[in-house]
Amino acid sequence: MTTDPDRAPRCVLLVEDEADARDALARALLAEGYDCVTAGTAAQALEAARGAPFVDIAVLDVVLGDGLPDGIDLIWMLRGQGVRAPVVLMTAFADSPRLKRALNAGVSYLIEKPFRARAIVAVVQRLLQEPVDLGHLVDRALVRAGLTDKEHEVARLLLKGLSNEEIATATSNSDKTIRQHVTALYRKVGVSSRAEFFHFVFPT
């Protein structure tokens, strides 16, 4: 695999197990001038990445048709194969365990299904123009929220997938105190649940 990131068109590795969705996303990316390499399983993705001259960005579904490994496992496998491109993760289930695994895997962006094809195109364009990672998005969102130091700490632990009880233990606070902090930070950012907080931090 060559490593010339300045060549055109930019190459997107798109991994989605649903053929119709994969085709629709590929058409949208091709229409914007991207070279799109597609796969429906982790094994196909690894083979496609080996055959591509250079992968500029990977767009991966979490749940793949061949079960395990899933899209998050695939990130590590691609890294082991030398693919260092930013990763956009598509998921219909943005639950805490998956979010924690995604953070640990170094995902650049998460987008929650359902979404329109143009949303993926916009994310790809943004990341290729100015690469960011989840840490950058978290920092930007939390600074914008004007949280106290304690609320900031609680917010980061929420985004790592910890429950209120686990946060209380980790910070040596009571469950009641953590619930109060969570309520306060939700109020400041204008949300009422962890799912809405996720969307605040990772807008689609």
N, C-alpha and C. Protein backbone atom coordinates (compact mmCIF):
# COMPACT_ATOMS: atom_id res chain seq x y z
N MET A 1 0.84 -1.20 0.00
CA MET A 1 0.00 0.00 0.00
C MET A 1 0.88 1.25 0.00
N THR A 2 0.65 2.17 -0.94
CA THR A 2 1.38 3.43 -0.94
C THR A 2 0.80 4.36 0.10
N THR A 3 1.55 5.39 0.44
CA THR A 3 1.10 6.29 1.50
C THR A 3 1.18 7.74 1.04
N ASP A 4 0.61 8.04 -0.12
CA ASP A 4 0.57 9.40 -0.63
C ASP A 4 -0.80 9.99 -0.36
N PRO A 5 -0.97 10.75 0.75
CA PRO A 5 -2.27 11.26 1.12
C PRO A 5 -2.74 12.42 0.26
N ASP A 6 -1.90 12.92 -0.65
CA ASP A 6 -2.26 14.08 -1.45
C ASP A 6 -2.85 13.71 -2.81
N ARG A 7 -2.93 12.44 -3.10
CA ARG A 7 -3.47 12.06 -4.40
C ARG A 7 -4.97 12.34 -4.44
N ALA A 8 -5.52 12.45 -5.67
CA ALA A 8 -6.94 12.69 -5.84
C ALA A 8 -7.47 11.64 -6.81
N PRO A 9 -8.69 11.17 -6.65
CA PRO A 9 -9.61 11.54 -5.58
C PRO A 9 -9.27 10.86 -4.25
N ARG A 10 -9.80 11.39 -3.16
CA ARG A 10 -9.60 10.79 -1.85
C ARG A 10 -10.39 9.50 -1.76
N CYS A 11 -9.82 8.49 -1.12
CA CYS A 11 -10.43 7.16 -1.06
C CYS A 11 -11.15 6.93 0.26
N VAL A 12 -12.41 6.54 0.18
CA VAL A 12 -13.22 6.21 1.35
C VAL A 12 -13.44 4.70 1.39
N LEU A 13 -13.06 4.07 2.49
CA LEU A 13 -13.40 2.67 2.72
C LEU A 13 -14.74 2.63 3.43
N LEU A 14 -15.76 2.12 2.76
CA LEU A 14 -17.12 2.09 3.29
C LEU A 14 -17.50 0.65 3.62
N VAL A 15 -17.78 0.39 4.90
CA VAL A 15 -18.13 -0.96 5.33
C VAL A 15 -19.53 -0.94 5.94
N GLU A 16 -20.47 -1.53 5.23
CA GLU A 16 -21.88 -1.57 5.64
C GLU A 16 -22.47 -2.88 5.15
N ASP A 17 -23.07 -3.67 6.06
CA ASP A 17 -23.54 -5.00 5.66
C ASP A 17 -24.85 -4.99 4.90
N GLU A 18 -25.63 -3.91 4.98
CA GLU A 18 -26.89 -3.83 4.24
C GLU A 18 -26.60 -3.27 2.84
N ALA A 19 -26.85 -4.09 1.84
CA ALA A 19 -26.46 -3.75 0.48
C ALA A 19 -27.09 -2.45 -0.01
N ASP A 20 -28.39 -2.26 0.25
CA ASP A 20 -29.06 -1.06 -0.23
C ASP A 20 -28.47 0.19 0.40
N ALA A 21 -28.25 0.14 1.71
CA ALA A 21 -27.67 1.29 2.40
C ALA A 21 -26.24 1.55 1.91
N ARG A 22 -25.49 0.47 1.73
CA ARG A 22 -24.11 0.59 1.25
C ARG A 22 -24.08 1.25 -0.13
N ASP A 23 -24.97 0.81 -1.02
CA ASP A 23 -25.01 1.36 -2.37
C ASP A 23 -25.40 2.83 -2.36
N ALA A 24 -26.37 3.19 -1.51
CA ALA A 24 -26.82 4.57 -1.45
C ALA A 24 -25.72 5.50 -0.93
N LEU A 25 -25.01 5.05 0.10
CA LEU A 25 -23.92 5.85 0.64
C LEU A 25 -22.77 5.97 -0.36
N ALA A 26 -22.48 4.86 -1.03
CA ALA A 26 -21.41 4.88 -2.03
C ALA A 26 -21.74 5.85 -3.17
N ARG A 27 -22.99 5.83 -3.62
CA ARG A 27 -23.39 6.75 -4.70
C ARG A 27 -23.23 8.21 -4.27
N ALA A 28 -23.61 8.48 -3.01
CA ALA A 28 -23.50 9.86 -2.52
C ALA A 28 -22.04 10.30 -2.46
N LEU A 29 -21.16 9.41 -2.02
CA LEU A 29 -19.74 9.74 -1.94
C LEU A 29 -19.12 9.88 -3.33
N LEU A 30 -19.48 8.98 -4.23
CA LEU A 30 -18.97 9.06 -5.60
C LEU A 30 -19.43 10.35 -6.28
N ALA A 31 -20.67 10.77 -6.00
CA ALA A 31 -21.21 11.99 -6.59
C ALA A 31 -20.43 13.23 -6.16
N GLU A 32 -19.78 13.12 -4.99
CA GLU A 32 -18.98 14.24 -4.48
C GLU A 32 -17.51 14.14 -4.89
N GLY A 33 -17.21 13.14 -5.72
CA GLY A 33 -15.86 13.03 -6.26
C GLY A 33 -14.92 12.13 -5.49
N TYR A 34 -15.44 11.39 -4.51
CA TYR A 34 -14.59 10.48 -3.75
C TYR A 34 -14.48 9.13 -4.46
N ASP A 35 -13.35 8.49 -4.30
CA ASP A 35 -13.19 7.10 -4.71
C ASP A 35 -13.71 6.25 -3.55
N CYS A 36 -14.66 5.37 -3.79
CA CYS A 36 -15.30 4.63 -2.71
C CYS A 36 -15.05 3.13 -2.87
N VAL A 37 -14.39 2.54 -1.88
CA VAL A 37 -14.13 1.11 -1.84
C VAL A 37 -15.10 0.52 -0.81
N THR A 38 -15.92 -0.45 -1.20
CA THR A 38 -16.98 -0.94 -0.33
C THR A 38 -16.75 -2.37 0.12
N ALA A 39 -17.36 -2.70 1.26
CA ALA A 39 -17.31 -4.06 1.80
C ALA A 39 -18.53 -4.27 2.69
N GLY A 40 -18.91 -5.54 2.84
CA GLY A 40 -20.06 -5.87 3.67
C GLY A 40 -19.72 -6.60 4.94
N THR A 41 -18.47 -7.07 5.06
CA THR A 41 -18.03 -7.79 6.25
C THR A 41 -16.64 -7.31 6.64
N ALA A 42 -16.22 -7.68 7.84
CA ALA A 42 -14.88 -7.32 8.29
C ALA A 42 -13.81 -7.93 7.39
N ALA A 43 -14.00 -9.20 7.02
CA ALA A 43 -13.02 -9.87 6.16
C ALA A 43 -12.90 -9.18 4.81
N GLN A 44 -14.05 -8.81 4.23
CA GLN A 44 -14.04 -8.11 2.95
C GLN A 44 -13.37 -6.75 3.09
N ALA A 45 -13.60 -6.09 4.23
CA ALA A 45 -13.00 -4.77 4.46
C ALA A 45 -11.48 -4.85 4.50
N LEU A 46 -10.97 -5.84 5.18
CA LEU A 46 -9.51 -6.00 5.27
C LEU A 46 -8.92 -6.28 3.90
N GLU A 47 -9.61 -7.09 3.12
CA GLU A 47 -9.13 -7.39 1.77
C GLU A 47 -9.20 -6.14 0.89
N ALA A 48 -10.31 -5.37 1.02
CA ALA A 48 -10.45 -4.15 0.23
C ALA A 48 -9.38 -3.13 0.59
N ALA A 49 -9.07 -3.03 1.89
CA ALA A 49 -8.03 -2.09 2.32
C ALA A 49 -6.67 -2.48 1.78
N ARG A 50 -6.40 -3.78 1.73
CA ARG A 50 -5.12 -4.25 1.18
C ARG A 50 -5.01 -3.91 -0.30
N GLY A 51 -6.15 -3.93 -0.99
CA GLY A 51 -6.13 -3.68 -2.43
C GLY A 51 -6.20 -2.22 -2.81
N ALA A 52 -6.57 -1.37 -1.86
CA ALA A 52 -6.68 0.06 -2.17
C ALA A 52 -5.30 0.71 -2.16
N PRO A 53 -5.03 1.64 -3.08
CA PRO A 53 -3.73 2.33 -3.08
C PRO A 53 -3.48 3.07 -1.77
N PHE A 54 -4.51 3.74 -1.27
CA PHE A 54 -4.40 4.48 -0.01
C PHE A 54 -5.80 4.73 0.51
N VAL A 55 -6.04 4.47 1.80
CA VAL A 55 -7.34 4.74 2.41
C VAL A 55 -7.23 6.06 3.17
N ASP A 56 -7.99 7.07 2.71
CA ASP A 56 -7.96 8.39 3.35
C ASP A 56 -8.87 8.47 4.56
N ILE A 57 -9.98 7.73 4.53
CA ILE A 57 -10.93 7.73 5.64
C ILE A 57 -11.76 6.45 5.57
N ALA A 58 -12.11 5.91 6.73
CA ALA A 58 -12.92 4.69 6.79
C ALA A 58 -14.26 5.02 7.43
N VAL A 59 -15.33 4.55 6.81
CA VAL A 59 -16.69 4.72 7.33
C VAL A 59 -17.21 3.32 7.62
N LEU A 60 -17.37 2.99 8.89
CA LEU A 60 -17.67 1.62 9.30
C LEU A 60 -18.98 1.53 10.05
N ASP A 61 -19.78 0.52 9.71
CA ASP A 61 -20.96 0.20 10.51
C ASP A 61 -20.51 -0.62 11.72
N VAL A 62 -21.19 -0.43 12.85
CA VAL A 62 -20.83 -1.21 14.04
C VAL A 62 -21.22 -2.67 13.86
N VAL A 63 -22.48 -2.91 13.51
CA VAL A 63 -22.99 -4.28 13.39
C VAL A 63 -22.82 -4.75 11.96
N LEU A 64 -22.00 -5.76 11.77
CA LEU A 64 -21.74 -6.29 10.44
C LEU A 64 -22.39 -7.66 10.27
N GLY A 65 -22.67 -8.02 9.02
CA GLY A 65 -23.43 -9.23 8.75
C GLY A 65 -22.78 -10.51 9.21
N ASP A 66 -21.45 -10.50 9.36
CA ASP A 66 -20.79 -11.72 9.78
C ASP A 66 -20.61 -11.78 11.29
N GLY A 67 -21.35 -10.90 12.02
CA GLY A 67 -21.30 -10.94 13.48
C GLY A 67 -20.00 -10.37 14.00
N LEU A 68 -19.23 -11.19 14.71
CA LEU A 68 -17.95 -10.76 15.23
C LEU A 68 -16.83 -11.20 14.28
N PRO A 69 -15.82 -10.36 14.07
CA PRO A 69 -15.62 -9.04 14.67
C PRO A 69 -16.62 -8.01 14.16
N ASP A 70 -16.93 -7.03 15.01
CA ASP A 70 -17.82 -5.97 14.59
C ASP A 70 -17.01 -4.78 14.10
N GLY A 71 -17.70 -3.67 13.83
CA GLY A 71 -17.02 -2.52 13.27
C GLY A 71 -15.97 -1.93 14.17
N ILE A 72 -16.18 -2.01 15.49
CA ILE A 72 -15.18 -1.46 16.41
C ILE A 72 -13.95 -2.37 16.45
N ASP A 73 -14.16 -3.69 16.45
CA ASP A 73 -13.03 -4.61 16.35
C ASP A 73 -12.25 -4.37 15.06
N LEU A 74 -13.01 -4.06 14.00
CA LEU A 74 -12.39 -3.86 12.69
C LEU A 74 -11.40 -2.69 12.71
N ILE A 75 -11.67 -1.69 13.53
CA ILE A 75 -10.75 -0.55 13.62
C ILE A 75 -9.36 -1.03 14.00
N TRP A 76 -9.30 -1.87 15.05
CA TRP A 76 -8.00 -2.37 15.50
C TRP A 76 -7.35 -3.23 14.42
N MET A 77 -8.16 -4.01 13.71
CA MET A 77 -7.63 -4.87 12.66
C MET A 77 -7.06 -4.04 11.51
N LEU A 78 -7.76 -2.96 11.16
CA LEU A 78 -7.25 -2.08 10.10
C LEU A 78 -5.96 -1.39 10.54
N ARG A 79 -5.92 -0.96 11.80
CA ARG A 79 -4.70 -0.33 12.31
C ARG A 79 -3.53 -1.32 12.23
N GLY A 80 -3.79 -2.59 12.57
CA GLY A 80 -2.75 -3.60 12.49
C GLY A 80 -2.29 -3.86 11.07
N GLN A 81 -3.14 -3.51 10.12
CA GLN A 81 -2.81 -3.69 8.71
C GLN A 81 -2.17 -2.44 8.11
N GLY A 82 -1.98 -1.43 8.95
CA GLY A 82 -1.30 -0.22 8.49
C GLY A 82 -2.20 0.91 8.08
N VAL A 83 -3.52 0.76 8.23
CA VAL A 83 -4.45 1.83 7.87
C VAL A 83 -4.56 2.79 9.05
N ARG A 84 -4.09 4.00 8.88
CA ARG A 84 -4.09 5.00 9.95
C ARG A 84 -5.13 6.10 9.69
N ALA A 85 -6.03 5.87 8.77
CA ALA A 85 -7.01 6.88 8.38
C ALA A 85 -8.00 7.17 9.52
N PRO A 86 -8.57 8.38 9.53
CA PRO A 86 -9.67 8.66 10.47
C PRO A 86 -10.82 7.70 10.24
N VAL A 87 -11.56 7.41 11.30
CA VAL A 87 -12.67 6.47 11.21
C VAL A 87 -13.97 7.14 11.65
N VAL A 88 -14.99 7.01 10.80
CA VAL A 88 -16.36 7.39 11.14
C VAL A 88 -17.11 6.11 11.45
N LEU A 89 -17.75 6.07 12.61
CA LEU A 89 -18.47 4.86 13.01
C LEU A 89 -19.97 5.11 12.93
N MET A 90 -20.68 4.24 12.20
CA MET A 90 -22.13 4.34 12.08
C MET A 90 -22.77 3.33 13.04
N THR A 91 -23.73 3.77 13.82
CA THR A 91 -24.36 2.86 14.76
C THR A 91 -25.83 3.19 14.97
N ALA A 92 -26.64 2.15 15.06
CA ALA A 92 -28.05 2.33 15.41
C ALA A 92 -28.25 2.24 16.91
N PHE A 93 -27.21 1.86 17.63
CA PHE A 93 -27.31 1.64 19.07
C PHE A 93 -26.13 2.33 19.76
N ALA A 94 -26.31 3.61 20.06
CA ALA A 94 -25.23 4.38 20.68
C ALA A 94 -25.28 4.22 22.19
N ASP A 95 -25.14 2.97 22.65
CA ASP A 95 -25.20 2.73 24.08
C ASP A 95 -23.83 2.95 24.72
N SER A 96 -23.82 2.97 26.03
CA SER A 96 -22.60 3.31 26.76
C SER A 96 -21.44 2.34 26.49
N PRO A 97 -21.67 1.02 26.51
CA PRO A 97 -20.54 0.12 26.23
C PRO A 97 -19.92 0.34 24.86
N ARG A 98 -20.77 0.54 23.85
CA ARG A 98 -20.23 0.77 22.51
C ARG A 98 -19.48 2.10 22.45
N LEU A 99 -20.03 3.12 23.09
CA LEU A 99 -19.35 4.41 23.10
C LEU A 99 -17.99 4.30 23.76
N LYS A 100 -17.92 3.56 24.86
CA LYS A 100 -16.65 3.39 25.56
C LYS A 100 -15.65 2.67 24.67
N ARG A 101 -16.07 1.62 23.98
CA ARG A 101 -15.17 0.89 23.09
C ARG A 101 -14.72 1.78 21.93
N ALA A 102 -15.65 2.60 21.42
CA ALA A 102 -15.30 3.48 20.31
C ALA A 102 -14.26 4.51 20.74
N LEU A 103 -14.44 5.08 21.92
CA LEU A 103 -13.47 6.04 22.45
C LEU A 103 -12.10 5.39 22.57
N ASN A 104 -12.07 4.18 23.11
CA ASN A 104 -10.81 3.48 23.29
C ASN A 104 -10.14 3.12 21.96
N ALA A 105 -10.96 2.92 20.93
CA ALA A 105 -10.43 2.55 19.62
C ALA A 105 -9.95 3.76 18.83
N GLY A 106 -10.20 4.97 19.34
CA GLY A 106 -9.73 6.17 18.66
C GLY A 106 -10.57 6.60 17.48
N VAL A 107 -11.90 6.36 17.55
CA VAL A 107 -12.79 6.79 16.48
C VAL A 107 -12.76 8.31 16.34
N SER A 108 -12.83 8.78 15.12
CA SER A 108 -12.82 10.23 14.88
C SER A 108 -14.21 10.84 14.99
N TYR A 109 -15.25 10.06 14.63
CA TYR A 109 -16.61 10.60 14.66
C TYR A 109 -17.61 9.45 14.73
N LEU A 110 -18.69 9.67 15.48
CA LEU A 110 -19.78 8.71 15.52
C LEU A 110 -21.02 9.36 14.94
N ILE A 111 -21.76 8.61 14.15
CA ILE A 111 -23.02 9.09 13.61
C ILE A 111 -24.07 8.02 13.85
N GLU A 112 -25.19 8.44 14.43
CA GLU A 112 -26.21 7.49 14.84
C GLU A 112 -27.29 7.35 13.77
N LYS A 113 -27.62 6.11 13.45
CA LYS A 113 -28.69 5.83 12.49
C LYS A 113 -30.05 6.11 13.13
N PRO A 114 -31.05 6.48 12.31
CA PRO A 114 -30.98 6.71 10.86
C PRO A 114 -30.42 8.10 10.53
N PHE A 115 -29.85 8.21 9.35
CA PHE A 115 -29.34 9.50 8.89
C PHE A 115 -29.44 9.51 7.37
N ARG A 116 -29.35 10.70 6.79
CA ARG A 116 -29.36 10.84 5.34
C ARG A 116 -27.94 10.71 4.80
N ALA A 117 -27.83 10.26 3.57
CA ALA A 117 -26.52 10.04 2.97
C ALA A 117 -25.69 11.32 2.99
N ARG A 118 -26.33 12.45 2.82
CA ARG A 118 -25.57 13.70 2.79
C ARG A 118 -24.91 14.00 4.14
N ALA A 119 -25.45 13.41 5.23
CA ALA A 119 -24.83 13.62 6.54
C ALA A 119 -23.45 12.95 6.58
N ILE A 120 -23.33 11.75 6.01
CA ILE A 120 -22.04 11.08 5.94
C ILE A 120 -21.08 11.88 5.06
N VAL A 121 -21.57 12.36 3.93
CA VAL A 121 -20.72 13.16 3.05
C VAL A 121 -20.18 14.37 3.79
N ALA A 122 -21.04 15.04 4.56
CA ALA A 122 -20.61 16.23 5.30
C ALA A 122 -19.54 15.89 6.33
N VAL A 123 -19.71 14.76 7.03
CA VAL A 123 -18.73 14.35 8.03
C VAL A 123 -17.40 14.01 7.37
N VAL A 124 -17.46 13.28 6.26
CA VAL A 124 -16.24 12.92 5.53
C VAL A 124 -15.51 14.18 5.08
N GLN A 125 -16.25 15.13 4.51
CA GLN A 125 -15.63 16.37 4.06
C GLN A 125 -14.97 17.11 5.22
N ARG A 126 -15.67 17.15 6.35
CA ARG A 126 -15.14 17.87 7.51
C ARG A 126 -13.85 17.23 8.02
N LEU A 127 -13.86 15.90 8.13
CA LEU A 127 -12.69 15.21 8.67
C LEU A 127 -11.48 15.29 7.73
N LEU A 128 -11.73 15.24 6.43
CA LEU A 128 -10.63 15.31 5.49
C LEU A 128 -10.07 16.73 5.37
N GLN A 129 -10.92 17.71 5.61
CA GLN A 129 -10.45 19.09 5.57
C GLN A 129 -9.68 19.45 6.83
N GLU A 130 -10.20 18.99 7.98
CA GLU A 130 -9.59 19.32 9.26
C GLU A 130 -9.78 18.14 10.20
N PRO A 131 -8.87 17.15 10.17
CA PRO A 131 -9.04 15.95 10.98
C PRO A 131 -9.22 16.29 12.46
N VAL A 132 -10.23 15.64 13.05
CA VAL A 132 -10.48 15.79 14.48
C VAL A 132 -10.67 14.41 15.06
N ASP A 133 -10.60 14.32 16.37
CA ASP A 133 -10.91 13.06 17.02
C ASP A 133 -11.99 13.29 18.06
N LEU A 134 -12.43 12.22 18.70
CA LEU A 134 -13.50 12.35 19.67
C LEU A 134 -13.11 13.26 20.82
N GLY A 135 -11.83 13.21 21.20
CA GLY A 135 -11.39 14.06 22.30
C GLY A 135 -11.60 15.53 21.98
N HIS A 136 -11.33 15.91 20.73
CA HIS A 136 -11.53 17.30 20.30
C HIS A 136 -13.00 17.68 20.38
N LEU A 137 -13.87 16.79 19.90
CA LEU A 137 -15.30 17.08 19.94
C LEU A 137 -15.81 17.21 21.37
N VAL A 138 -15.33 16.32 22.25
CA VAL A 138 -15.73 16.37 23.65
C VAL A 138 -15.27 17.68 24.27
N ASP A 139 -14.01 18.04 24.06
CA ASP A 139 -13.48 19.28 24.63
C ASP A 139 -14.29 20.48 24.17
N ARG A 140 -14.57 20.54 22.87
CA ARG A 140 -15.29 21.68 22.31
C ARG A 140 -16.69 21.79 22.90
N ALA A 141 -17.38 20.65 23.00
CA ALA A 141 -18.75 20.66 23.51
C ALA A 141 -18.80 21.05 24.98
N LEU A 142 -17.88 20.52 25.79
CA LEU A 142 -17.92 20.77 27.22
C LEU A 142 -17.50 22.20 27.55
N VAL A 143 -16.55 22.73 26.80
CA VAL A 143 -16.18 24.12 27.01
C VAL A 143 -17.35 25.03 26.67
N ARG A 144 -18.02 24.73 25.59
CA ARG A 144 -19.18 25.52 25.17
C ARG A 144 -20.29 25.49 26.20
N ALA A 145 -20.38 24.40 26.97
CA ALA A 145 -21.47 24.24 27.93
C ALA A 145 -21.27 25.06 29.20
N GLY A 146 -20.04 25.51 29.46
CA GLY A 146 -19.80 26.30 30.66
C GLY A 146 -19.98 25.52 31.95
N LEU A 147 -19.48 24.29 32.00
CA LEU A 147 -19.64 23.44 33.17
C LEU A 147 -18.64 23.80 34.26
N THR A 148 -19.01 23.47 35.49
CA THR A 148 -18.05 23.57 36.58
C THR A 148 -17.02 22.45 36.43
N ASP A 149 -15.93 22.53 37.20
CA ASP A 149 -14.91 21.49 37.13
C ASP A 149 -15.49 20.11 37.46
N LYS A 150 -16.32 20.04 38.48
CA LYS A 150 -16.92 18.76 38.87
C LYS A 150 -17.87 18.26 37.78
N GLU A 151 -18.70 19.14 37.21
CA GLU A 151 -19.61 18.74 36.14
C GLU A 151 -18.82 18.28 34.92
N HIS A 152 -17.71 18.94 34.66
CA HIS A 152 -16.85 18.56 33.53
C HIS A 152 -16.32 17.14 33.75
N GLU A 153 -15.88 16.85 34.97
CA GLU A 153 -15.37 15.52 35.30
C GLU A 153 -16.46 14.47 35.14
N VAL A 154 -17.65 14.76 35.65
CA VAL A 154 -18.78 13.84 35.56
C VAL A 154 -19.17 13.62 34.10
N ALA A 155 -19.16 14.70 33.30
CA ALA A 155 -19.53 14.59 31.89
C ALA A 155 -18.59 13.65 31.15
N ARG A 156 -17.30 13.76 31.40
CA ARG A 156 -16.33 12.89 30.74
C ARG A 156 -16.53 11.43 31.13
N LEU A 157 -16.85 11.20 32.39
CA LEU A 157 -17.08 9.82 32.83
C LEU A 157 -18.37 9.27 32.24
N LEU A 158 -19.39 10.12 32.09
CA LEU A 158 -20.62 9.69 31.42
C LEU A 158 -20.31 9.25 29.99
N LEU A 159 -19.49 10.04 29.29
CA LEU A 159 -19.17 9.74 27.91
C LEU A 159 -18.28 8.51 27.76
N LYS A 160 -17.60 8.14 28.83
CA LYS A 160 -16.81 6.91 28.80
C LYS A 160 -17.65 5.68 29.08
N GLY A 161 -18.95 5.89 29.37
CA GLY A 161 -19.86 4.77 29.54
C GLY A 161 -20.10 4.36 30.97
N LEU A 162 -19.61 5.12 31.95
CA LEU A 162 -19.81 4.75 33.35
C LEU A 162 -21.23 5.10 33.80
N SER A 163 -21.78 4.25 34.64
CA SER A 163 -23.08 4.54 35.24
C SER A 163 -22.91 5.56 36.35
N ASN A 164 -24.05 6.11 36.83
CA ASN A 164 -23.98 7.06 37.94
C ASN A 164 -23.31 6.43 39.15
N GLU A 165 -23.62 5.17 39.42
CA GLU A 165 -23.04 4.48 40.57
C GLU A 165 -21.53 4.32 40.41
N GLU A 166 -21.08 3.99 39.18
CA GLU A 166 -19.65 3.84 38.93
C GLU A 166 -18.93 5.19 39.04
N ILE A 167 -19.60 6.24 38.58
CA ILE A 167 -19.01 7.58 38.69
C ILE A 167 -18.87 7.97 40.16
N ALA A 168 -19.88 7.66 40.95
CA ALA A 168 -19.84 7.96 42.38
C ALA A 168 -18.64 7.28 43.04
N THR A 169 -18.44 6.02 42.69
CA THR A 169 -17.30 5.28 43.25
C THR A 169 -15.98 5.86 42.79
N ALA A 170 -15.88 6.17 41.50
CA ALA A 170 -14.63 6.67 40.93
C ALA A 170 -14.24 8.03 41.49
N THR A 171 -15.25 8.84 41.87
CA THR A 171 -14.98 10.20 42.33
C THR A 171 -15.15 10.35 43.84
N SER A 172 -15.41 9.24 44.52
CA SER A 172 -15.60 9.24 45.98
C SER A 172 -16.72 10.19 46.40
N ASN A 173 -17.83 10.11 45.67
CA ASN A 173 -19.02 10.89 45.98
C ASN A 173 -20.20 9.95 46.18
N SER A 174 -21.27 10.47 46.76
CA SER A 174 -22.48 9.68 46.92
C SER A 174 -23.25 9.63 45.61
N ASP A 175 -24.11 8.61 45.47
CA ASP A 175 -24.94 8.52 44.27
C ASP A 175 -25.80 9.77 44.13
N LYS A 176 -26.30 10.28 45.24
CA LYS A 176 -27.16 11.46 45.22
C LYS A 176 -26.40 12.67 44.67
N THR A 177 -25.16 12.83 45.10
CA THR A 177 -24.35 13.96 44.63
C THR A 177 -24.13 13.88 43.13
N ILE A 178 -23.82 12.68 42.65
CA ILE A 178 -23.59 12.52 41.20
C ILE A 178 -24.86 12.78 40.42
N ARG A 179 -26.00 12.31 40.93
CA ARG A 179 -27.27 12.58 40.24
C ARG A 179 -27.52 14.08 40.15
N GLN A 180 -27.16 14.80 41.20
CA GLN A 180 -27.34 16.25 41.18
C GLN A 180 -26.44 16.90 40.13
N HIS A 181 -25.20 16.44 40.04
CA HIS A 181 -24.28 16.97 39.03
C HIS A 181 -24.79 16.65 37.62
N VAL A 182 -25.26 15.44 37.43
CA VAL A 182 -25.77 15.05 36.11
C VAL A 182 -26.97 15.91 35.72
N THR A 183 -27.88 16.12 36.67
CA THR A 183 -29.04 16.95 36.42
C THR A 183 -28.62 18.37 36.04
N ALA A 184 -27.63 18.90 36.76
CA ALA A 184 -27.16 20.26 36.49
C ALA A 184 -26.52 20.39 35.12
N LEU A 185 -25.68 19.42 34.76
CA LEU A 185 -25.01 19.52 33.45
C LEU A 185 -25.99 19.31 32.31
N TYR A 186 -26.99 18.42 32.50
CA TYR A 186 -28.01 18.24 31.48
C TYR A 186 -28.77 19.55 31.27
N ARG A 187 -29.09 20.22 32.37
CA ARG A 187 -29.82 21.48 32.27
C ARG A 187 -29.00 22.53 31.52
N LYS A 188 -27.71 22.58 31.78
CA LYS A 188 -26.85 23.58 31.13
C LYS A 188 -26.74 23.37 29.63
N VAL A 189 -26.77 22.12 29.19
CA VAL A 189 -26.64 21.87 27.75
C VAL A 189 -27.99 21.68 27.08
N GLY A 190 -29.06 21.74 27.87
CA GLY A 190 -30.40 21.68 27.29
C GLY A 190 -30.86 20.31 26.87
N VAL A 191 -30.46 19.27 27.64
CA VAL A 191 -30.88 17.90 27.33
C VAL A 191 -31.51 17.29 28.57
N SER A 192 -32.13 16.13 28.39
CA SER A 192 -32.79 15.49 29.53
C SER A 192 -32.42 14.03 29.69
N SER A 193 -31.50 13.54 28.87
CA SER A 193 -31.11 12.13 28.96
C SER A 193 -29.69 11.95 28.46
N ARG A 194 -29.14 10.78 28.74
CA ARG A 194 -27.78 10.47 28.27
C ARG A 194 -27.73 10.42 26.75
N ALA A 195 -28.79 9.89 26.13
CA ALA A 195 -28.83 9.83 24.67
C ALA A 195 -28.80 11.23 24.06
N GLU A 196 -29.57 12.15 24.64
CA GLU A 196 -29.59 13.53 24.14
C GLU A 196 -28.25 14.21 24.38
N PHE A 197 -27.59 13.88 25.50
CA PHE A 197 -26.26 14.43 25.78
C PHE A 197 -25.26 13.94 24.74
N PHE A 198 -25.37 12.67 24.36
CA PHE A 198 -24.54 12.10 23.30
C PHE A 198 -24.68 12.93 22.02
N HIS A 199 -25.92 13.26 21.64
CA HIS A 199 -26.15 14.02 20.42
C HIS A 199 -25.63 15.45 20.53
N PHE A 200 -25.65 16.00 21.74
CA PHE A 200 -25.08 17.32 21.95
C PHE A 200 -23.59 17.33 21.67
N VAL A 201 -22.91 16.31 22.16
CA VAL A 201 -21.46 16.23 22.01
C VAL A 201 -21.06 15.81 20.59
N PHE A 202 -21.82 14.87 20.02
CA PHE A 202 -21.52 14.34 18.68
C PHE A 202 -22.66 14.63 17.73
N PRO A 203 -22.83 15.88 17.30
CA PRO A 203 -23.96 16.23 16.43
C PRO A 203 -23.85 15.55 15.08
N THR A 204 -24.99 15.19 14.51
CA THR A 204 -24.99 14.55 13.19
C THR A 204 -25.36 15.56 12.13
